[in-house]
């Protein structure tokens, strides 16, 4: 049963790395783009080292659609925290409404009909 939660943990770690790979450079706009790309590729490699096992292990318990849905929800949570605390951006009410609609989608994807 504990092994079922391992994909969620791995997806969370993977998303933390990917968020930094994709958006961390926004605080360093004066750094040359080619340098940022190389650094981002390096970070993305580490991300894949968590993402691939998460999906491999997770597919024993979840469908691919469920795994992708989990990944998207985790991405939104990680990105929200990242944008607020790292990029110092505001979180607006309409973001919350959009996230609630995504949670509604999660309900429909995980519900056994």
PDB file of N, CA and C in Angstrom:
ATOM      1  N   UNK A   1       0.827  -1.194   0.000  1.00  0.00           N
ATOM      2  CA  UNK A   1       0.000   0.000   0.000  1.00  0.00           C
ATOM      3  C   UNK A   1       0.870   1.257   0.000  1.00  0.00           C
ATOM      4  N   UNK A   2       1.963   1.221   0.748  1.00  0.00           N
ATOM      5  CA  UNK A   2       2.856   2.374   0.788  1.00  0.00           C
ATOM      6  C   UNK A   2       3.483   2.629  -0.574  1.00  0.00           C
ATOM      7  N   UNK A   3       3.695   1.568  -1.337  1.00  0.00           N
ATOM      8  CA  UNK A   3       4.289   1.696  -2.668  1.00  0.00           C
ATOM      9  C   UNK A   3       3.397   2.514  -3.608  1.00  0.00           C
ATOM     10  N   UNK A   4       2.095   2.554  -3.350  1.00  0.00           N
ATOM     11  CA  UNK A   4       1.174   3.347  -4.157  1.00  0.00           C
ATOM     12  C   UNK A   4       1.474   4.835  -4.044  1.00  0.00           C
ATOM     13  N   UNK A   5       1.986   5.251  -2.919  1.00  0.00           N
ATOM     14  CA  UNK A   5       2.268   6.668  -2.704  1.00  0.00           C
ATOM     15  C   UNK A   5       3.627   7.085  -3.247  1.00  0.00           C
ATOM     16  N   UNK A   6       4.476   6.105  -3.531  1.00  0.00           N
ATOM     17  CA  UNK A   6       5.802   6.411  -4.072  1.00  0.00           C
ATOM     18  C   UNK A   6       5.726   7.208  -5.381  1.00  0.00           C
ATOM     19  N   UNK A   7       4.833   6.859  -6.319  1.00  0.00           N
ATOM     20  CA  UNK A   7       4.746   7.665  -7.542  1.00  0.00           C
ATOM     21  C   UNK A   7       4.382   9.125  -7.267  1.00  0.00           C
ATOM     22  N   UNK A   8       3.543   9.358  -6.283  1.00  0.00           N
ATOM     23  CA  UNK A   8       3.149  10.734  -5.945  1.00  0.00           C
ATOM     24  C   UNK A   8       4.355  11.495  -5.419  1.00  0.00           C
ATOM     25  N   UNK A   9       5.130  10.861  -4.560  1.00  0.00           N
ATOM     26  CA  UNK A   9       6.350  11.495  -4.040  1.00  0.00           C
ATOM     27  C   UNK A   9       7.339  11.770  -5.166  1.00  0.00           C
ATOM     28  N   UNK A  10       7.559  10.767  -6.022  1.00  0.00           N
ATOM     29  CA  UNK A  10       8.494  10.940  -7.136  1.00  0.00           C
ATOM     30  C   UNK A  10       8.013  12.014  -8.115  1.00  0.00           C
ATOM     31  N   UNK A  11       6.706  12.049  -8.384  1.00  0.00           N
ATOM     32  CA  UNK A  11       6.171  13.088  -9.269  1.00  0.00           C
ATOM     33  C   UNK A  11       6.344  14.473  -8.661  1.00  0.00           C
ATOM     34  N   UNK A  12       6.194  14.570  -7.362  1.00  0.00           N
ATOM     35  CA  UNK A  12       6.380  15.868  -6.693  1.00  0.00           C
ATOM     36  C   UNK A  12       7.830  16.330  -6.811  1.00  0.00           C
ATOM     37  N   UNK A  13       8.765  15.438  -6.529  1.00  0.00           N
ATOM     38  CA  UNK A  13      10.191  15.780  -6.649  1.00  0.00           C
ATOM     39  C   UNK A  13      10.510  16.157  -8.095  1.00  0.00           C
ATOM     40  N   UNK A  14      10.008  15.372  -9.024  1.00  0.00           N
ATOM     41  CA  UNK A  14      10.252  15.635 -10.438  1.00  0.00           C
ATOM     42  C   UNK A  14       9.724  17.010 -10.838  1.00  0.00           C
ATOM     43  N   UNK A  15       8.547  17.358 -10.353  1.00  0.00           N
ATOM     44  CA  UNK A  15       7.963  18.649 -10.707  1.00  0.00           C
ATOM     45  C   UNK A  15       8.706  19.824 -10.092  1.00  0.00           C
ATOM     46  N   UNK A  16       9.278  19.621  -8.938  1.00  0.00           N
ATOM     47  CA  UNK A  16      10.093  20.693  -8.344  1.00  0.00           C
ATOM     48  C   UNK A  16      11.288  20.977  -9.254  1.00  0.00           C
ATOM     49  N   UNK A  17      11.963  19.925  -9.693  1.00  0.00           N
ATOM     50  CA  UNK A  17      13.098  20.119 -10.601  1.00  0.00           C
ATOM     51  C   UNK A  17      12.654  20.745 -11.923  1.00  0.00           C
ATOM     52  N   UNK A  18      11.551  20.257 -12.492  1.00  0.00           N
ATOM     53  CA  UNK A  18      11.120  20.764 -13.794  1.00  0.00           C
ATOM     54  C   UNK A  18      10.683  22.219 -13.709  1.00  0.00           C
ATOM     55  N   UNK A  19      10.047  22.591 -12.621  1.00  0.00           N
ATOM     56  CA  UNK A  19       9.636  23.984 -12.456  1.00  0.00           C
ATOM     57  C   UNK A  19      10.860  24.891 -12.441  1.00  0.00           C
ATOM     58  N   UNK A  20      11.908  24.469 -11.751  1.00  0.00           N
ATOM     59  CA  UNK A  20      13.140  25.263 -11.765  1.00  0.00           C
ATOM     60  C   UNK A  20      13.788  25.260 -13.145  1.00  0.00           C
ATOM     61  N   UNK A  21      13.731  24.133 -13.846  1.00  0.00           N
ATOM     62  CA  UNK A  21      14.312  24.072 -15.196  1.00  0.00           C
ATOM     63  C   UNK A  21      13.593  25.017 -16.147  1.00  0.00           C
ATOM     64  N   UNK A  22      12.272  25.064 -16.048  1.00  0.00           N
ATOM     65  CA  UNK A  22      11.491  25.869 -16.990  1.00  0.00           C
ATOM     66  C   UNK A  22      11.381  27.337 -16.588  1.00  0.00           C
ATOM     67  N   UNK A  23      11.328  27.619 -15.289  1.00  0.00           N
ATOM     68  CA  UNK A  23      11.015  28.986 -14.855  1.00  0.00           C
ATOM     69  C   UNK A  23      12.049  29.622 -13.935  1.00  0.00           C
ATOM     70  N   UNK A  24      12.982  28.851 -13.399  1.00  0.00           N
ATOM     71  CA  UNK A  24      13.964  29.400 -12.465  1.00  0.00           C
ATOM     72  C   UNK A  24      14.820  30.505 -13.063  1.00  0.00           C
ATOM     73  N   UNK A  25      15.068  30.404 -14.352  1.00  0.00           N
ATOM     74  CA  UNK A  25      15.915  31.385 -15.027  1.00  0.00           C
ATOM     75  C   UNK A  25      15.257  32.759 -15.149  1.00  0.00           C
ATOM     76  N   UNK A  26      13.969  32.870 -14.884  1.00  0.00           N
ATOM     77  CA  UNK A  26      13.279  34.153 -15.022  1.00  0.00           C
ATOM     78  C   UNK A  26      13.815  35.204 -14.049  1.00  0.00           C
ATOM     79  N   UNK A  27      14.464  34.765 -12.985  1.00  0.00           N
ATOM     80  CA  UNK A  27      15.087  35.705 -12.058  1.00  0.00           C
ATOM     81  C   UNK A  27      16.467  36.148 -12.544  1.00  0.00           C
ATOM     82  N   UNK A  28      16.971  35.525 -13.607  1.00  0.00           N
ATOM     83  CA  UNK A  28      18.317  35.808 -14.102  1.00  0.00           C
ATOM     84  C   UNK A  28      18.269  36.175 -15.575  1.00  0.00           C
ATOM     85  N   UNK A  29      17.509  37.198 -15.888  1.00  0.00           N
ATOM     86  CA  UNK A  29      17.290  37.575 -17.291  1.00  0.00           C
ATOM     87  C   UNK A  29      18.536  38.118 -17.968  1.00  0.00           C
ATOM     88  N   UNK A  30      19.532  38.501 -17.196  1.00  0.00           N
ATOM     89  CA  UNK A  30      20.757  39.029 -17.810  1.00  0.00           C
ATOM     90  C   UNK A  30      21.723  37.900 -18.218  1.00  0.00           C
ATOM     91  N   UNK A  31      21.457  36.678 -17.762  1.00  0.00           N
ATOM     92  CA  UNK A  31      22.299  35.540 -18.140  1.00  0.00           C
ATOM     93  C   UNK A  31      22.021  35.163 -19.587  1.00  0.00           C
ATOM     94  N   UNK A  32      23.072  34.854 -20.320  1.00  0.00           N
ATOM     95  CA  UNK A  32      22.926  34.504 -21.736  1.00  0.00           C
ATOM     96  C   UNK A  32      21.966  33.323 -21.899  1.00  0.00           C
ATOM     97  N   UNK A  33      21.157  33.399 -22.934  1.00  0.00           N
ATOM     98  CA  UNK A  33      20.138  32.381 -23.167  1.00  0.00           C
ATOM     99  C   UNK A  33      20.740  30.984 -23.340  1.00  0.00           C
ATOM    100  N   UNK A  34      21.862  30.882 -24.037  1.00  0.00           N
ATOM    101  CA  UNK A  34      22.458  29.563 -24.258  1.00  0.00           C
ATOM    102  C   UNK A  34      22.908  28.925 -22.948  1.00  0.00           C
ATOM    103  N   UNK A  35      23.364  29.751 -22.002  1.00  0.00           N
ATOM    104  CA  UNK A  35      23.771  29.244 -20.685  1.00  0.00           C
ATOM    105  C   UNK A  35      22.542  28.744 -19.927  1.00  0.00           C
ATOM    106  N   UNK A  36      21.477  29.527 -19.988  1.00  0.00           N
ATOM    107  CA  UNK A  36      20.234  29.145 -19.317  1.00  0.00           C
ATOM    108  C   UNK A  36      19.695  27.830 -19.891  1.00  0.00           C
ATOM    109  N   UNK A  37      19.784  27.674 -21.203  1.00  0.00           N
ATOM    110  CA  UNK A  37      19.311  26.443 -21.837  1.00  0.00           C
ATOM    111  C   UNK A  37      20.121  25.239 -21.361  1.00  0.00           C
ATOM    112  N   UNK A  38      21.442  25.373 -21.315  1.00  0.00           N
ATOM    113  CA  UNK A  38      22.284  24.257 -20.859  1.00  0.00           C
ATOM    114  C   UNK A  38      22.000  23.889 -19.400  1.00  0.00           C
ATOM    115  N   UNK A  39      21.863  24.899 -18.566  1.00  0.00           N
ATOM    116  CA  UNK A  39      21.550  24.647 -17.155  1.00  0.00           C
ATOM    117  C   UNK A  39      20.182  23.984 -17.033  1.00  0.00           C
ATOM    118  N   UNK A  40      19.222  24.479 -17.799  1.00  0.00           N
ATOM    119  CA  UNK A  40      17.877  23.898 -17.767  1.00  0.00           C
ATOM    120  C   UNK A  40      17.881  22.443 -18.222  1.00  0.00           C
ATOM    121  N   UNK A  41      18.666  22.117 -19.243  1.00  0.00           N
ATOM    122  CA  UNK A  41      18.782  20.716 -19.684  1.00  0.00           C
ATOM    123  C   UNK A  41      19.338  19.835 -18.573  1.00  0.00           C
ATOM    124  N   UNK A  42      20.328  20.353 -17.865  1.00  0.00           N
ATOM    125  CA  UNK A  42      20.900  19.590 -16.753  1.00  0.00           C
ATOM    126  C   UNK A  42      19.887  19.336 -15.650  1.00  0.00           C
ATOM    127  N   UNK A  43      19.113  20.356 -15.333  1.00  0.00           N
ATOM    128  CA  UNK A  43      18.067  20.202 -14.313  1.00  0.00           C
ATOM    129  C   UNK A  43      16.993  19.238 -14.818  1.00  0.00           C
ATOM    130  N   UNK A  44      16.645  19.348 -16.095  1.00  0.00           N
ATOM    131  CA  UNK A  44      15.615  18.473 -16.670  1.00  0.00           C
ATOM    132  C   UNK A  44      16.063  17.013 -16.654  1.00  0.00           C
ATOM    133  N   UNK A  45      17.360  16.763 -16.816  1.00  0.00           N
ATOM    134  CA  UNK A  45      17.852  15.385 -16.723  1.00  0.00           C
ATOM    135  C   UNK A  45      17.541  14.794 -15.356  1.00  0.00           C
ATOM    136  N   UNK A  46      17.793  15.575 -14.304  1.00  0.00           N
ATOM    137  CA  UNK A  46      17.496  15.112 -12.947  1.00  0.00           C
ATOM    138  C   UNK A  46      15.991  14.883 -12.808  1.00  0.00           C
ATOM    139  N   UNK A  47      15.198  15.770 -13.400  1.00  0.00           N
ATOM    140  CA  UNK A  47      13.738  15.624 -13.360  1.00  0.00           C
ATOM    141  C   UNK A  47      13.314  14.288 -13.957  1.00  0.00           C
ATOM    142  N   UNK A  48      13.895  13.917 -15.086  1.00  0.00           N
ATOM    143  CA  UNK A  48      13.547  12.651 -15.734  1.00  0.00           C
ATOM    144  C   UNK A  48      13.929  11.457 -14.872  1.00  0.00           C
ATOM    145  N   UNK A  49      14.966  11.589 -14.071  1.00  0.00           N
ATOM    146  CA  UNK A  49      15.376  10.496 -13.188  1.00  0.00           C
ATOM    147  C   UNK A  49      14.321  10.203 -12.119  1.00  0.00           C
ATOM    148  N   UNK A  50      13.423  11.138 -11.875  1.00  0.00           N
ATOM    149  CA  UNK A  50      12.302  10.921 -10.952  1.00  0.00           C
ATOM    150  C   UNK A  50      11.007  10.638 -11.709  1.00  0.00           C
ATOM    151  N   UNK A  51      10.809  11.329 -12.818  1.00  0.00           N
ATOM    152  CA  UNK A  51       9.568  11.201 -13.591  1.00  0.00           C
ATOM    153  C   UNK A  51       9.383   9.797 -14.169  1.00  0.00           C
ATOM    154  N   UNK A  52      10.407   9.260 -14.786  1.00  0.00           N
ATOM    155  CA  UNK A  52      10.290   7.950 -15.435  1.00  0.00           C
ATOM    156  C   UNK A  52       9.978   6.843 -14.412  1.00  0.00           C
ATOM    157  N   UNK A  53      10.708   6.760 -13.302  1.00  0.00           N
ATOM    158  CA  UNK A  53      10.339   5.745 -12.302  1.00  0.00           C
ATOM    159  C   UNK A  53       8.943   5.978 -11.710  1.00  0.00           C
ATOM    160  N   UNK A  54       8.567   7.231 -11.542  1.00  0.00           N
ATOM    161  CA  UNK A  54       7.223   7.528 -11.015  1.00  0.00           C
ATOM    162  C   UNK A  54       6.156   6.938 -11.919  1.00  0.00           C
ATOM    163  N   UNK A  55       6.314   7.111 -13.214  1.00  0.00           N
ATOM    164  CA  UNK A  55       5.328   6.575 -14.151  1.00  0.00           C
ATOM    165  C   UNK A  55       5.409   5.061 -14.252  1.00  0.00           C
ATOM    166  N   UNK A  56       6.613   4.516 -14.223  1.00  0.00           N
ATOM    167  CA  UNK A  56       6.780   3.058 -14.319  1.00  0.00           C
ATOM    168  C   UNK A  56       6.134   2.377 -13.106  1.00  0.00           C
ATOM    169  N   UNK A  57       6.455   2.875 -11.914  1.00  0.00           N
ATOM    170  CA  UNK A  57       5.885   2.300 -10.692  1.00  0.00           C
ATOM    171  C   UNK A  57       4.399   2.615 -10.598  1.00  0.00           C
ATOM    172  N   UNK A  58       4.056   3.834 -10.910  1.00  0.00           N
ATOM    173  CA  UNK A  58       2.668   4.276 -10.802  1.00  0.00           C
ATOM    174  C   UNK A  58       1.714   3.536 -11.714  1.00  0.00           C
ATOM    175  N   UNK A  59       2.208   3.094 -12.866  1.00  0.00           N
ATOM    176  CA  UNK A  59       1.334   2.399 -13.814  1.00  0.00           C
ATOM    177  C   UNK A  59       0.924   1.020 -13.311  1.00  0.00           C
ATOM    178  N   UNK A  60       1.564   0.544 -12.254  1.00  0.00           N
ATOM    179  CA  UNK A  60       1.123  -0.696 -11.611  1.00  0.00           C
ATOM    180  C   UNK A  60      -0.192  -0.497 -10.859  1.00  0.00           C
ATOM    181  N   UNK A  61      -0.487   0.766 -10.476  1.00  0.00           N
ATOM    182  CA  UNK A  61      -1.650   1.070  -9.649  1.00  0.00           C
ATOM    183  C   UNK A  61      -2.653   1.994 -10.329  1.00  0.00           C
ATOM    184  N   UNK A  62      -2.183   2.785 -11.283  1.00  0.00           N
ATOM    185  CA  UNK A  62      -3.017   3.801 -11.912  1.00  0.00           C
ATOM    186  C   UNK A  62      -2.966   3.667 -13.429  1.00  0.00           C
ATOM    187  N   UNK A  63      -3.995   4.185 -14.092  1.00  0.00           N
ATOM    188  CA  UNK A  63      -3.960   4.235 -15.552  1.00  0.00           C
ATOM    189  C   UNK A  63      -3.050   5.391 -15.972  1.00  0.00           C
ATOM    190  N   UNK A  64      -2.678   5.409 -17.232  1.00  0.00           N
ATOM    191  CA  UNK A  64      -1.843   6.503 -17.737  1.00  0.00           C
ATOM    192  C   UNK A  64      -2.577   7.838 -17.603  1.00  0.00           C
ATOM    193  N   UNK A  65      -3.880   7.838 -17.849  1.00  0.00           N
ATOM    194  CA  UNK A  65      -4.666   9.081 -17.709  1.00  0.00           C
ATOM    195  C   UNK A  65      -4.671   9.562 -16.263  1.00  0.00           C
ATOM    196  N   UNK A  66      -4.768   8.640 -15.331  1.00  0.00           N
ATOM    197  CA  UNK A  66      -4.731   9.023 -13.918  1.00  0.00           C
ATOM    198  C   UNK A  66      -3.359   9.556 -13.528  1.00  0.00           C
ATOM    199  N   UNK A  67      -2.310   8.915 -14.011  1.00  0.00           N
ATOM    200  CA  UNK A  67      -0.952   9.402 -13.729  1.00  0.00           C
ATOM    201  C   UNK A  67      -0.753  10.816 -14.278  1.00  0.00           C
ATOM    202  N   UNK A  68      -1.200  11.039 -15.504  1.00  0.00           N
ATOM    203  CA  UNK A  68      -1.050  12.361 -16.116  1.00  0.00           C
ATOM    204  C   UNK A  68      -1.842  13.405 -15.344  1.00  0.00           C
ATOM    205  N   UNK A  69      -3.034  13.034 -14.896  1.00  0.00           N
ATOM    206  CA  UNK A  69      -3.859  13.960 -14.118  1.00  0.00           C
ATOM    207  C   UNK A  69      -3.178  14.307 -12.804  1.00  0.00           C
ATOM    208  N   UNK A  70      -2.632  13.295 -12.122  1.00  0.00           N
ATOM    209  CA  UNK A  70      -1.891  13.557 -10.878  1.00  0.00           C
ATOM    210  C   UNK A  70      -0.726  14.496 -11.140  1.00  0.00           C
ATOM    211  N   UNK A  71      -0.021  14.226 -12.221  1.00  0.00           N
ATOM    212  CA  UNK A  71       1.141  15.041 -12.552  1.00  0.00           C
ATOM    213  C   UNK A  71       0.736  16.495 -12.777  1.00  0.00           C
ATOM    214  N   UNK A  72      -0.380  16.717 -13.440  1.00  0.00           N
ATOM    215  CA  UNK A  72      -0.832  18.089 -13.703  1.00  0.00           C
ATOM    216  C   UNK A  72      -1.231  18.806 -12.421  1.00  0.00           C
ATOM    217  N   UNK A  73      -1.921  18.110 -11.532  1.00  0.00           N
ATOM    218  CA  UNK A  73      -2.314  18.723 -10.256  1.00  0.00           C
ATOM    219  C   UNK A  73      -1.070  19.043  -9.422  1.00  0.00           C
ATOM    220  N   UNK A  74      -0.138  18.100  -9.364  1.00  0.00           N
ATOM    221  CA  UNK A  74       1.108  18.345  -8.632  1.00  0.00           C
ATOM    222  C   UNK A  74       1.851  19.519  -9.250  1.00  0.00           C
ATOM    223  N   UNK A  75       1.886  19.580 -10.573  1.00  0.00           N
ATOM    224  CA  UNK A  75       2.553  20.694 -11.258  1.00  0.00           C
ATOM    225  C   UNK A  75       1.940  22.028 -10.856  1.00  0.00           C
ATOM    226  N   UNK A  76       0.626  22.104 -10.823  1.00  0.00           N
ATOM    227  CA  UNK A  76      -0.029  23.365 -10.451  1.00  0.00           C
ATOM    228  C   UNK A  76       0.265  23.769  -9.013  1.00  0.00           C
ATOM    229  N   UNK A  77       0.278  22.800  -8.122  1.00  0.00           N
ATOM    230  CA  UNK A  77       0.579  23.099  -6.721  1.00  0.00           C
ATOM    231  C   UNK A  77       2.029  23.564  -6.585  1.00  0.00           C
ATOM    232  N   UNK A  78       2.950  22.807  -7.171  1.00  0.00           N
ATOM    233  CA  UNK A  78       4.369  23.168  -7.101  1.00  0.00           C
ATOM    234  C   UNK A  78       4.593  24.533  -7.745  1.00  0.00           C
ATOM    235  N   UNK A  79       3.999  24.750  -8.921  1.00  0.00           N
ATOM    236  CA  UNK A  79       4.194  26.026  -9.606  1.00  0.00           C
ATOM    237  C   UNK A  79       3.602  27.189  -8.807  1.00  0.00           C
ATOM    238  N   UNK A  80       2.459  26.991  -8.181  1.00  0.00           N
ATOM    239  CA  UNK A  80       1.859  28.066  -7.379  1.00  0.00           C
ATOM    240  C   UNK A  80       2.786  28.475  -6.241  1.00  0.00           C
ATOM    241  N   UNK A  81       3.305  27.487  -5.527  1.00  0.00           N
ATOM    242  CA  UNK A  81       4.238  27.776  -4.431  1.00  0.00           C
ATOM    243  C   UNK A  81       5.495  28.463  -4.981  1.00  0.00           C
ATOM    244  N   UNK A  82       6.012  27.945  -6.084  1.00  0.00           N
ATOM    245  CA  UNK A  82       7.201  28.508  -6.721  1.00  0.00           C
ATOM    246  C   UNK A  82       6.976  29.960  -7.136  1.00  0.00           C
ATOM    247  N   UNK A  83       5.868  30.226  -7.796  1.00  0.00           N
ATOM    248  CA  UNK A  83       5.637  31.582  -8.301  1.00  0.00           C
ATOM    249  C   UNK A  83       5.420  32.580  -7.172  1.00  0.00           C
ATOM    250  N   UNK A  84       4.819  32.128  -6.086  1.00  0.00           N
ATOM    251  CA  UNK A  84       4.585  33.029  -4.951  1.00  0.00           C
ATOM    252  C   UNK A  84       5.879  33.286  -4.177  1.00  0.00           C
ATOM    253  N   UNK A  85       6.611  32.223  -3.840  1.00  0.00           N
ATOM    254  CA  UNK A  85       7.760  32.374  -2.955  1.00  0.00           C
ATOM    255  C   UNK A  85       9.084  32.621  -3.676  1.00  0.00           C
ATOM    256  N   UNK A  86       9.254  32.088  -4.865  1.00  0.00           N
ATOM    257  CA  UNK A  86      10.519  32.271  -5.586  1.00  0.00           C
ATOM    258  C   UNK A  86      10.463  33.473  -6.529  1.00  0.00           C
ATOM    259  N   UNK A  87       9.392  33.538  -7.326  1.00  0.00           N
ATOM    260  CA  UNK A  87       9.265  34.656  -8.272  1.00  0.00           C
ATOM    261  C   UNK A  87       8.587  35.880  -7.668  1.00  0.00           C
ATOM    262  N   UNK A  88       8.023  35.724  -6.467  1.00  0.00           N
ATOM    263  CA  UNK A  88       7.352  36.821  -5.743  1.00  0.00           C
ATOM    264  C   UNK A  88       6.161  37.376  -6.533  1.00  0.00           C
ATOM    265  N   UNK A  89       5.420  36.499  -7.189  1.00  0.00           N
ATOM    266  CA  UNK A  89       4.236  36.911  -7.939  1.00  0.00           C
ATOM    267  C   UNK A  89       2.989  36.721  -7.085  1.00  0.00           C
ATOM    268  N   UNK A  90       1.966  37.491  -7.396  1.00  0.00           N
ATOM    269  CA  UNK A  90       0.712  37.400  -6.656  1.00  0.00           C
ATOM    270  C   UNK A  90      -0.110  36.204  -7.115  1.00  0.00           C
ATOM    271  N   UNK A  91      -0.903  35.671  -6.203  1.00  0.00           N
ATOM    272  CA  UNK A  91      -1.850  34.596  -6.509  1.00  0.00           C
ATOM    273  C   UNK A  91      -3.233  35.230  -6.532  1.00  0.00           C
ATOM    274  N   UNK A  92      -3.899  35.181  -7.658  1.00  0.00           N
ATOM    275  CA  UNK A  92      -5.186  35.851  -7.837  1.00  0.00           C
ATOM    276  C   UNK A  92      -6.352  34.885  -7.648  1.00  0.00           C
ATOM    277  N   UNK A  93      -7.512  35.422  -7.350  1.00  0.00           N
ATOM    278  CA  UNK A  93      -8.695  34.604  -7.092  1.00  0.00           C
ATOM    279  C   UNK A  93      -9.066  33.736  -8.303  1.00  0.00           C
ATOM    280  N   UNK A  94      -8.872  34.265  -9.496  1.00  0.00           N
ATOM    281  CA  UNK A  94      -9.239  33.495 -10.688  1.00  0.00           C
ATOM    282  C   UNK A  94      -8.333  32.265 -10.873  1.00  0.00           C
ATOM    283  N   UNK A  95      -7.104  32.302 -10.344  1.00  0.00           N
ATOM    284  CA  UNK A  95      -6.244  31.121 -10.384  1.00  0.00           C
ATOM    285  C   UNK A  95      -6.886  30.015  -9.533  1.00  0.00           C
ATOM    286  N   UNK A  96      -7.379  30.404  -8.363  1.00  0.00           N
ATOM    287  CA  UNK A  96      -8.020  29.450  -7.468  1.00  0.00           C
ATOM    288  C   UNK A  96      -9.248  28.828  -8.128  1.00  0.00           C
ATOM    289  N   UNK A  97     -10.051  29.630  -8.799  1.00  0.00           N
ATOM    290  CA  UNK A  97     -11.235  29.106  -9.494  1.00  0.00           C
ATOM    291  C   UNK A  97     -10.808  28.105 -10.568  1.00  0.00           C
ATOM    292  N   UNK A  98      -9.791  28.447 -11.329  1.00  0.00           N
ATOM    293  CA  UNK A  98      -9.287  27.531 -12.351  1.00  0.00           C
ATOM    294  C   UNK A  98      -8.789  26.228 -11.747  1.00  0.00           C
ATOM    295  N   UNK A  99      -8.086  26.307 -10.631  1.00  0.00           N
ATOM    296  CA  UNK A  99      -7.584  25.107  -9.973  1.00  0.00           C
ATOM    297  C   UNK A  99      -8.739  24.251  -9.450  1.00  0.00           C
ATOM    298  N   UNK A 100      -9.772  24.893  -8.940  1.00  0.00           N
ATOM    299  CA  UNK A 100     -10.938  24.140  -8.468  1.00  0.00           C
ATOM    300  C   UNK A 100     -11.612  23.397  -9.622  1.00  0.00           C
ATOM    301  N   UNK A 101     -11.640  24.000 -10.784  1.00  0.00           N
ATOM    302  CA  UNK A 101     -12.204  23.316 -11.953  1.00  0.00           C
ATOM    303  C   UNK A 101     -11.336  22.115 -12.346  1.00  0.00           C
ATOM    304  N   UNK A 102     -10.037  22.257 -12.180  1.00  0.00           N
ATOM    305  CA  UNK A 102      -9.149  21.130 -12.466  1.00  0.00           C
ATOM    306  C   UNK A 102      -9.375  20.005 -11.453  1.00  0.00           C
ATOM    307  N   UNK A 103      -9.616  20.356 -10.210  1.00  0.00           N
ATOM    308  CA  UNK A 103      -9.920  19.348  -9.195  1.00  0.00           C
ATOM    309  C   UNK A 103     -11.218  18.627  -9.551  1.00  0.00           C
ATOM    310  N   UNK A 104     -12.160  19.344 -10.120  1.00  0.00           N
ATOM    311  CA  UNK A 104     -13.393  18.715 -10.598  1.00  0.00           C
ATOM    312  C   UNK A 104     -13.067  17.703 -11.698  1.00  0.00           C
ATOM    313  N   UNK A 105     -12.129  18.039 -12.561  1.00  0.00           N
ATOM    314  CA  UNK A 105     -11.696  17.114 -13.604  1.00  0.00           C
ATOM    315  C   UNK A 105     -11.065  15.871 -12.976  1.00  0.00           C
ATOM    316  N   UNK A 106     -10.299  16.061 -11.921  1.00  0.00           N
ATOM    317  CA  UNK A 106      -9.682  14.927 -11.223  1.00  0.00           C
ATOM    318  C   UNK A 106     -10.768  13.986 -10.711  1.00  0.00           C
ATOM    319  N   UNK A 107     -11.822  14.551 -10.173  1.00  0.00           N
ATOM    320  CA  UNK A 107     -12.934  13.722  -9.692  1.00  0.00           C
ATOM    321  C   UNK A 107     -13.471  12.833 -10.812  1.00  0.00           C
ATOM    322  N   UNK A 108     -13.717  13.408 -11.959  1.00  0.00           N
ATOM    323  CA  UNK A 108     -14.281  12.648 -13.071  1.00  0.00           C
ATOM    324  C   UNK A 108     -13.302  11.598 -13.615  1.00  0.00           C
ATOM    325  N   UNK A 109     -12.026  11.903 -13.591  1.00  0.00           N
ATOM    326  CA  UNK A 109     -11.038  10.955 -14.115  1.00  0.00           C
ATOM    327  C   UNK A 109     -10.825   9.778 -13.163  1.00  0.00           C
ATOM    328  N   UNK A 110     -10.861  10.028 -11.862  1.00  0.00           N
ATOM    329  CA  UNK A 110     -10.600   8.972 -10.898  1.00  0.00           C
ATOM    330  C   UNK A 110     -11.857   8.217 -10.446  1.00  0.00           C
ATOM    331  N   UNK A 111     -13.025   8.761 -10.731  1.00  0.00           N
ATOM    332  CA  UNK A 111     -14.289   8.113 -10.346  1.00  0.00           C
ATOM    333  C   UNK A 111     -14.516   6.877 -11.198  1.00  0.00           C
ATOM    334  N   UNK A 112     -14.844   5.778 -10.545  1.00  0.00           N
ATOM    335  CA  UNK A 112     -15.171   4.546 -11.272  1.00  0.00           C
ATOM    336  C   UNK A 112     -16.664   4.555 -11.551  1.00  0.00           C
ATOM    337  N   UNK A 113     -17.028   4.644 -12.800  1.00  0.00           N
ATOM    338  CA  UNK A 113     -18.440   4.749 -13.180  1.00  0.00           C
ATOM    339  C   UNK A 113     -19.004   3.406 -13.501  1.00  0.00           C
TER     340      UNK A 113
END
